[in-house]
N, C-alpha and C. Protein backbone atom coordinates (compact mmCIF):
# COMPACT_ATOMS: atom_id res chain seq x y z
N MET A 1 -20.81 -0.56 16.02
CA MET A 1 -19.73 0.24 15.39
C MET A 1 -19.50 -0.28 14.01
N SER A 2 -19.49 0.55 13.02
CA SER A 2 -19.20 0.11 11.68
C SER A 2 -17.73 0.31 11.35
N TYR A 3 -17.18 -0.61 10.60
CA TYR A 3 -15.77 -0.57 10.22
C TYR A 3 -15.72 -0.18 8.76
N SER A 4 -14.96 0.83 8.45
CA SER A 4 -14.78 1.21 7.05
C SER A 4 -13.48 0.63 6.54
N LYS A 5 -13.56 0.19 5.29
CA LYS A 5 -12.37 -0.44 4.70
C LYS A 5 -11.26 0.62 4.50
N PRO A 6 -10.01 0.20 4.57
CA PRO A 6 -8.92 1.15 4.47
C PRO A 6 -8.65 1.59 3.04
N TYR A 7 -9.53 1.26 2.08
CA TYR A 7 -9.36 1.60 0.72
C TYR A 7 -10.71 1.93 0.11
N ASN A 8 -10.69 2.57 -1.04
CA ASN A 8 -11.89 2.90 -1.79
C ASN A 8 -11.64 2.45 -3.21
N LEU A 9 -12.48 1.60 -3.77
CA LEU A 9 -12.22 1.03 -5.09
C LEU A 9 -12.89 1.80 -6.22
N ALA A 10 -13.43 3.01 -5.94
CA ALA A 10 -14.07 3.77 -6.99
C ALA A 10 -13.21 4.00 -8.21
N MET A 11 -11.97 4.34 -7.99
CA MET A 11 -11.05 4.57 -9.12
C MET A 11 -10.74 3.29 -9.89
N ILE A 12 -10.65 2.19 -9.15
CA ILE A 12 -10.33 0.88 -9.80
C ILE A 12 -11.58 0.45 -10.65
N TYR A 13 -12.76 0.67 -10.13
CA TYR A 13 -13.94 0.38 -10.90
C TYR A 13 -13.99 1.22 -12.19
N ALA A 14 -13.65 2.52 -12.03
CA ALA A 14 -13.63 3.44 -13.18
C ALA A 14 -12.58 3.00 -14.23
N ILE A 15 -11.41 2.68 -13.74
CA ILE A 15 -10.36 2.24 -14.66
C ILE A 15 -10.70 0.98 -15.42
N SER A 16 -11.35 0.06 -14.71
CA SER A 16 -11.70 -1.23 -15.34
C SER A 16 -12.92 -1.14 -16.25
N ASP A 17 -13.69 -0.03 -16.18
CA ASP A 17 -14.80 0.22 -17.07
C ASP A 17 -15.73 -0.99 -17.20
N ASN A 18 -16.19 -1.52 -16.06
CA ASN A 18 -17.13 -2.63 -16.00
C ASN A 18 -16.58 -3.95 -16.61
N ASN A 19 -15.31 -4.05 -16.81
CA ASN A 19 -14.69 -5.31 -17.25
C ASN A 19 -14.22 -6.02 -16.03
N GLN A 20 -15.01 -7.05 -15.65
CA GLN A 20 -14.79 -7.76 -14.38
C GLN A 20 -13.40 -8.47 -14.38
N GLU A 21 -13.04 -9.03 -15.49
CA GLU A 21 -11.75 -9.73 -15.58
C GLU A 21 -10.61 -8.71 -15.34
N PHE A 22 -10.66 -7.56 -15.98
CA PHE A 22 -9.67 -6.54 -15.81
C PHE A 22 -9.63 -6.03 -14.39
N PHE A 23 -10.81 -5.80 -13.80
CA PHE A 23 -10.94 -5.37 -12.44
C PHE A 23 -10.23 -6.34 -11.49
N GLU A 24 -10.50 -7.61 -11.68
CA GLU A 24 -9.84 -8.63 -10.81
C GLU A 24 -8.33 -8.66 -11.04
N GLN A 25 -7.91 -8.46 -12.26
CA GLN A 25 -6.50 -8.42 -12.56
C GLN A 25 -5.84 -7.24 -11.85
N LEU A 26 -6.49 -6.06 -11.88
CA LEU A 26 -5.94 -4.88 -11.18
C LEU A 26 -5.77 -5.13 -9.72
N ILE A 27 -6.74 -5.79 -9.08
CA ILE A 27 -6.66 -6.09 -7.66
C ILE A 27 -5.54 -7.10 -7.38
N SER A 28 -5.50 -8.13 -8.20
CA SER A 28 -4.45 -9.18 -8.03
C SER A 28 -3.04 -8.59 -8.16
N VAL A 29 -2.83 -7.79 -9.20
CA VAL A 29 -1.53 -7.22 -9.44
C VAL A 29 -1.15 -6.24 -8.27
N PHE A 30 -2.12 -5.44 -7.88
CA PHE A 30 -1.89 -4.51 -6.76
C PHE A 30 -1.48 -5.26 -5.54
N ALA A 31 -2.24 -6.28 -5.21
CA ALA A 31 -1.96 -7.03 -3.95
C ALA A 31 -0.58 -7.67 -4.00
N ASP A 32 -0.23 -8.24 -5.12
CA ASP A 32 1.11 -8.89 -5.28
C ASP A 32 2.20 -7.86 -5.20
N THR A 33 2.06 -6.76 -5.98
CA THR A 33 3.10 -5.75 -6.04
C THR A 33 3.31 -5.01 -4.70
N ILE A 34 2.15 -4.61 -4.10
CA ILE A 34 2.28 -3.81 -2.87
C ILE A 34 2.80 -4.66 -1.72
N SER A 35 2.50 -5.96 -1.75
CA SER A 35 3.03 -6.86 -0.73
C SER A 35 4.56 -7.00 -0.87
N LYS A 36 5.02 -7.21 -2.11
CA LYS A 36 6.48 -7.35 -2.34
C LYS A 36 7.22 -6.04 -2.03
N ASP A 37 6.58 -4.90 -2.46
CA ASP A 37 7.24 -3.60 -2.22
C ASP A 37 7.34 -3.31 -0.71
N ASN A 38 6.27 -3.64 -0.05
CA ASN A 38 6.23 -3.45 1.42
C ASN A 38 7.32 -4.26 2.15
N GLU A 39 7.48 -5.52 1.74
CA GLU A 39 8.52 -6.34 2.32
C GLU A 39 9.90 -5.80 2.05
N LEU A 40 10.16 -5.38 0.80
CA LEU A 40 11.44 -4.79 0.44
C LEU A 40 11.70 -3.49 1.22
N LEU A 41 10.62 -2.67 1.35
CA LEU A 41 10.80 -1.44 2.08
C LEU A 41 11.17 -1.72 3.56
N LYS A 42 10.53 -2.70 4.19
CA LYS A 42 10.86 -3.09 5.56
C LYS A 42 12.29 -3.56 5.69
N GLU A 43 12.70 -4.40 4.74
CA GLU A 43 14.07 -4.90 4.77
C GLU A 43 15.10 -3.77 4.60
N THR A 44 14.75 -2.82 3.76
CA THR A 44 15.64 -1.68 3.48
C THR A 44 15.71 -0.78 4.72
N ALA A 45 14.58 -0.62 5.42
CA ALA A 45 14.55 0.20 6.60
C ALA A 45 15.40 -0.39 7.70
N VAL A 46 15.38 -1.72 7.81
CA VAL A 46 16.24 -2.38 8.84
C VAL A 46 17.72 -2.08 8.60
N LYS A 47 18.07 -1.95 7.31
CA LYS A 47 19.49 -1.64 6.96
C LYS A 47 19.77 -0.13 7.19
N GLY A 48 18.73 0.65 7.39
CA GLY A 48 18.90 2.12 7.62
C GLY A 48 19.16 2.87 6.34
N ASP A 49 18.85 2.27 5.19
CA ASP A 49 19.06 2.97 3.90
C ASP A 49 17.80 3.81 3.58
N TRP A 50 17.70 4.95 4.22
CA TRP A 50 16.54 5.77 4.14
C TRP A 50 16.32 6.40 2.78
N ARG A 51 17.36 6.62 2.04
CA ARG A 51 17.22 7.11 0.66
C ARG A 51 16.48 6.09 -0.15
N GLU A 52 16.86 4.84 -0.05
CA GLU A 52 16.15 3.74 -0.80
C GLU A 52 14.73 3.57 -0.29
N VAL A 53 14.51 3.70 0.98
CA VAL A 53 13.18 3.59 1.59
C VAL A 53 12.32 4.69 0.98
N GLY A 54 12.87 5.90 0.86
CA GLY A 54 12.11 7.03 0.25
C GLY A 54 11.74 6.73 -1.18
N GLN A 55 12.69 6.11 -1.93
CA GLN A 55 12.40 5.77 -3.32
C GLN A 55 11.34 4.67 -3.43
N LEU A 56 11.39 3.71 -2.52
CA LEU A 56 10.39 2.62 -2.53
C LEU A 56 9.02 3.23 -2.13
N ALA A 57 8.96 4.10 -1.14
CA ALA A 57 7.69 4.77 -0.76
C ALA A 57 7.12 5.54 -1.95
N HIS A 58 7.98 6.22 -2.68
CA HIS A 58 7.57 6.96 -3.86
C HIS A 58 6.97 6.01 -4.90
N LYS A 59 7.64 4.88 -5.08
CA LYS A 59 7.17 3.90 -6.02
C LYS A 59 5.77 3.35 -5.70
N MET A 60 5.50 3.25 -4.37
CA MET A 60 4.21 2.68 -3.90
C MET A 60 3.07 3.73 -3.93
N LYS A 61 3.49 5.01 -4.01
CA LYS A 61 2.52 6.09 -3.84
C LYS A 61 1.38 6.05 -4.89
N SER A 62 1.67 5.75 -6.16
CA SER A 62 0.60 5.76 -7.14
C SER A 62 -0.38 4.64 -6.94
N SER A 63 0.12 3.44 -6.59
CA SER A 63 -0.78 2.33 -6.32
C SER A 63 -1.66 2.59 -5.14
N ILE A 64 -1.05 3.11 -4.08
CA ILE A 64 -1.83 3.46 -2.90
C ILE A 64 -2.83 4.53 -3.21
N GLY A 65 -2.49 5.43 -4.09
CA GLY A 65 -3.41 6.53 -4.55
C GLY A 65 -4.58 5.96 -5.33
N HIS A 66 -4.28 5.06 -6.28
CA HIS A 66 -5.34 4.49 -7.09
C HIS A 66 -6.35 3.71 -6.21
N PHE A 67 -5.90 3.08 -5.19
CA PHE A 67 -6.75 2.33 -4.28
C PHE A 67 -7.24 3.22 -3.13
N GLN A 68 -6.95 4.49 -3.23
CA GLN A 68 -7.41 5.53 -2.27
C GLN A 68 -7.23 5.11 -0.81
N VAL A 69 -6.03 4.66 -0.51
CA VAL A 69 -5.66 4.32 0.88
C VAL A 69 -5.22 5.66 1.49
N ASP A 70 -6.18 6.53 1.69
CA ASP A 70 -5.86 7.93 2.05
C ASP A 70 -5.17 8.03 3.38
N VAL A 71 -5.36 7.08 4.27
CA VAL A 71 -4.73 7.14 5.60
C VAL A 71 -3.16 7.10 5.50
N LEU A 72 -2.67 6.66 4.35
CA LEU A 72 -1.21 6.49 4.20
C LEU A 72 -0.57 7.69 3.51
N LYS A 73 -1.32 8.70 3.08
CA LYS A 73 -0.78 9.83 2.35
C LYS A 73 0.36 10.47 3.13
N ASP A 74 0.10 10.80 4.39
CA ASP A 74 1.13 11.50 5.20
C ASP A 74 2.33 10.53 5.45
N THR A 75 2.02 9.28 5.74
CA THR A 75 3.11 8.30 5.97
C THR A 75 4.05 8.21 4.79
N ILE A 76 3.51 8.08 3.62
CA ILE A 76 4.27 7.99 2.37
C ILE A 76 5.12 9.24 2.21
N LEU A 77 4.48 10.41 2.40
CA LEU A 77 5.17 11.67 2.30
C LEU A 77 6.35 11.80 3.28
N GLN A 78 6.13 11.37 4.52
CA GLN A 78 7.19 11.41 5.49
C GLN A 78 8.34 10.49 5.10
N LEU A 79 8.08 9.33 4.54
CA LEU A 79 9.13 8.41 4.10
C LEU A 79 9.88 8.94 2.86
N GLU A 80 9.10 9.58 1.95
CA GLU A 80 9.75 10.16 0.75
C GLU A 80 10.69 11.31 1.16
N HIS A 81 10.28 12.10 2.13
CA HIS A 81 11.08 13.26 2.53
C HIS A 81 11.66 12.97 3.95
N TYR A 82 12.48 11.99 3.97
CA TYR A 82 13.07 11.44 5.21
C TYR A 82 14.17 12.29 5.82
N GLN A 83 14.69 13.22 5.10
CA GLN A 83 15.91 13.96 5.49
C GLN A 83 15.84 14.61 6.90
N ASN A 84 14.69 15.09 7.28
CA ASN A 84 14.58 15.84 8.55
C ASN A 84 13.94 15.02 9.64
N SER A 85 13.94 13.70 9.48
CA SER A 85 13.34 12.84 10.49
C SER A 85 14.37 11.96 11.15
N SER A 86 14.12 11.56 12.36
CA SER A 86 15.00 10.67 13.08
C SER A 86 14.73 9.25 12.66
N PRO A 87 15.69 8.32 12.83
CA PRO A 87 15.42 6.93 12.54
C PRO A 87 14.23 6.38 13.32
N ASP A 88 14.05 6.82 14.54
CA ASP A 88 12.87 6.36 15.32
C ASP A 88 11.55 6.77 14.66
N GLU A 89 11.52 8.02 14.21
CA GLU A 89 10.31 8.50 13.51
C GLU A 89 10.08 7.72 12.22
N LEU A 90 11.15 7.55 11.46
CA LEU A 90 11.04 6.81 10.22
C LEU A 90 10.61 5.35 10.41
N ASN A 91 11.16 4.71 11.44
CA ASN A 91 10.75 3.36 11.74
C ASN A 91 9.27 3.34 12.16
N ALA A 92 8.81 4.30 12.88
CA ALA A 92 7.36 4.34 13.20
C ALA A 92 6.53 4.45 11.97
N HIS A 93 6.95 5.25 10.99
CA HIS A 93 6.22 5.34 9.69
C HIS A 93 6.27 4.02 8.94
N VAL A 94 7.36 3.32 8.96
CA VAL A 94 7.46 2.01 8.31
C VAL A 94 6.48 1.05 8.95
N ARG A 95 6.43 1.06 10.29
CA ARG A 95 5.49 0.17 10.98
C ARG A 95 4.04 0.50 10.62
N GLU A 96 3.72 1.80 10.55
CA GLU A 96 2.38 2.23 10.18
C GLU A 96 2.08 1.80 8.76
N LEU A 97 2.94 2.01 7.84
CA LEU A 97 2.79 1.56 6.49
C LEU A 97 2.53 0.07 6.41
N ASP A 98 3.31 -0.70 7.12
CA ASP A 98 3.14 -2.14 7.14
C ASP A 98 1.78 -2.54 7.73
N ARG A 99 1.40 -1.90 8.81
CA ARG A 99 0.11 -2.22 9.45
C ARG A 99 -1.06 -1.97 8.46
N VAL A 100 -1.03 -0.80 7.83
CA VAL A 100 -2.15 -0.46 6.93
C VAL A 100 -2.14 -1.33 5.68
N ILE A 101 -0.96 -1.58 5.11
CA ILE A 101 -0.89 -2.44 3.89
C ILE A 101 -1.43 -3.81 4.25
N ASN A 102 -1.04 -4.33 5.37
CA ASN A 102 -1.57 -5.70 5.79
C ASN A 102 -3.11 -5.61 5.98
N ASP A 103 -3.63 -4.56 6.52
CA ASP A 103 -5.06 -4.38 6.69
C ASP A 103 -5.76 -4.33 5.37
N VAL A 104 -5.16 -3.58 4.42
CA VAL A 104 -5.73 -3.50 3.04
C VAL A 104 -5.78 -4.91 2.45
N LEU A 105 -4.69 -5.64 2.53
CA LEU A 105 -4.60 -7.00 1.89
C LEU A 105 -5.60 -7.92 2.54
N VAL A 106 -5.73 -7.92 3.89
CA VAL A 106 -6.71 -8.79 4.57
C VAL A 106 -8.11 -8.48 4.08
N ASN A 107 -8.43 -7.16 3.99
CA ASN A 107 -9.78 -6.75 3.54
C ASN A 107 -10.03 -7.11 2.10
N LEU A 108 -9.06 -6.91 1.22
CA LEU A 108 -9.27 -7.30 -0.17
C LEU A 108 -9.50 -8.80 -0.31
N LYS A 109 -8.72 -9.60 0.44
CA LYS A 109 -8.90 -11.02 0.36
C LYS A 109 -10.22 -11.49 0.91
N ALA A 110 -10.70 -10.78 1.89
CA ALA A 110 -12.06 -11.11 2.45
C ALA A 110 -13.16 -10.69 1.47
N GLU A 111 -12.95 -9.54 0.86
CA GLU A 111 -13.97 -9.02 -0.05
C GLU A 111 -14.02 -9.75 -1.38
N PHE A 112 -12.85 -10.19 -1.85
CA PHE A 112 -12.76 -10.81 -3.14
C PHE A 112 -12.03 -12.17 -3.08
N PRO A 113 -12.54 -13.13 -2.33
CA PRO A 113 -11.82 -14.41 -2.14
C PRO A 113 -11.61 -15.15 -3.45
N GLU A 114 -12.49 -14.93 -4.41
CA GLU A 114 -12.35 -15.59 -5.70
C GLU A 114 -11.11 -15.17 -6.45
N ILE A 115 -10.64 -13.97 -6.17
CA ILE A 115 -9.45 -13.51 -6.84
C ILE A 115 -8.19 -14.13 -6.26
N PHE A 116 -8.24 -14.38 -4.99
CA PHE A 116 -7.01 -14.86 -4.28
C PHE A 116 -6.96 -16.40 -4.13
N ASN A 117 -8.08 -17.05 -4.50
CA ASN A 117 -8.13 -18.52 -4.32
C ASN A 117 -8.03 -19.22 -5.70
N GLN A 118 -7.22 -18.64 -6.59
CA GLN A 118 -7.05 -19.22 -7.93
C GLN A 118 -5.79 -20.03 -8.05
């Protein structure tokens, strides 16, 4: 069974235009930012501040899009448009977001250890 990575770096390669240093910087900044935003989103969800969770999800959307973490498109959308969802549904989306973000980070660190061991 083959395992596909939860991201696609085609857009990141295109943005970096064969500049390896810039490519590594994009990955490093993404990993740092998405990790912090994910933690803040989880803390905000615990408080039940779904409006702020929606804003944080919206903030994360472009980074997740650039790294083509397509599995999170619906999850992000559900968190952005939280008004018609129950807290249980929203918390399930937060858990899914957390699971996938952690999977992305683990895979990036495995694929590019030189970026994270500096």
